[in-house]
Amino acid sequence: MKLLAIVLAVAAVAGMLFGWWGLETVSGRRRFDEMAGMIPLFVGYGSVVLLLVAALFYWWAGR
């Protein structure tokens, strides 16, 4: 269970980095313009939820 939590946390960090890149950098905004900007936005939000789930799994495995 701890390994799953670590894998989920790594995937969440990668998703948050993608979301940051897509929304906050010039090249990301150029790549995801107008309505396509929703992709990195929702990936970023989903990654935060995934990180919370990973933290819950890690805590649960330690009990």
Protein backbone atom coordinates (compact mmCIF):
# COMPACT_ATOMS: atom_id res chain seq x y z
CA MET A 1 0.00 0.00 0.00
CA LYS A 2 2.90 2.36 0.72
CA LEU A 3 4.35 1.69 -2.72
CA LEU A 4 1.01 2.55 -4.33
CA ALA A 5 0.87 5.77 -2.31
CA ILE A 6 4.37 6.73 -3.46
CA VAL A 7 3.53 5.99 -7.11
CA LEU A 8 0.35 8.06 -6.84
CA ALA A 9 2.26 10.91 -5.22
CA VAL A 10 4.87 10.91 -8.00
CA ALA A 11 2.11 10.92 -10.63
CA ALA A 12 0.39 13.78 -8.79
CA VAL A 13 3.57 15.85 -8.70
CA ALA A 14 4.07 15.25 -12.42
CA GLY A 15 0.49 16.35 -13.08
CA MET A 16 0.90 19.48 -10.97
CA LEU A 17 4.09 20.35 -12.85
CA PHE A 18 2.25 19.91 -16.15
CA GLY A 19 -0.57 22.13 -14.89
CA TRP A 20 1.88 24.79 -13.79
CA TRP A 21 3.71 24.64 -17.12
CA GLY A 22 0.49 24.84 -19.12
CA LEU A 23 -0.88 27.82 -17.20
CA GLU A 24 2.11 29.82 -16.02
CA THR A 25 4.76 29.67 -18.74
CA VAL A 26 4.79 31.47 -22.06
CA SER A 27 5.34 28.27 -24.05
CA GLY A 28 2.57 26.51 -22.13
CA ARG A 29 0.10 29.32 -22.71
CA ARG A 30 1.04 29.34 -26.39
CA ARG A 31 0.48 25.57 -26.60
CA PHE A 32 -2.80 25.60 -24.63
CA ASP A 33 -4.53 28.78 -25.73
CA GLU A 34 -8.18 29.75 -25.15
CA MET A 35 -10.40 26.73 -24.35
CA ALA A 36 -7.49 24.27 -24.52
CA GLY A 37 -6.18 25.92 -21.33
CA MET A 38 -8.76 23.90 -19.43
CA ILE A 39 -6.63 20.78 -19.92
CA PRO A 40 -3.70 21.84 -17.70
CA LEU A 41 -6.12 23.51 -15.28
CA PHE A 42 -8.11 20.34 -14.65
CA VAL A 43 -4.99 18.17 -14.62
CA GLY A 44 -3.60 20.43 -11.91
CA TYR A 45 -6.78 20.23 -9.84
CA GLY A 46 -7.00 16.47 -10.32
CA SER A 47 -3.39 16.10 -9.25
CA VAL A 48 -4.07 17.90 -5.99
CA VAL A 49 -6.90 15.46 -5.28
CA LEU A 50 -4.64 12.55 -6.26
CA LEU A 51 -1.95 13.79 -3.89
CA LEU A 52 -4.48 13.89 -1.05
CA VAL A 53 -5.54 10.32 -1.86
CA ALA A 54 -1.88 9.26 -1.88
CA ALA A 55 -1.37 10.87 1.53
CA LEU A 56 -4.43 9.08 2.84
CA PHE A 57 -3.17 5.72 1.50
CA TYR A 58 0.26 6.31 3.01
CA TRP A 59 -1.25 7.17 6.38
CA TRP A 60 -3.59 4.17 6.19
CA ALA A 61 -0.72 1.80 5.35
CA GLY A 62 1.23 3.03 8.37
CA ARG A 63 -1.55 2.24 10.79
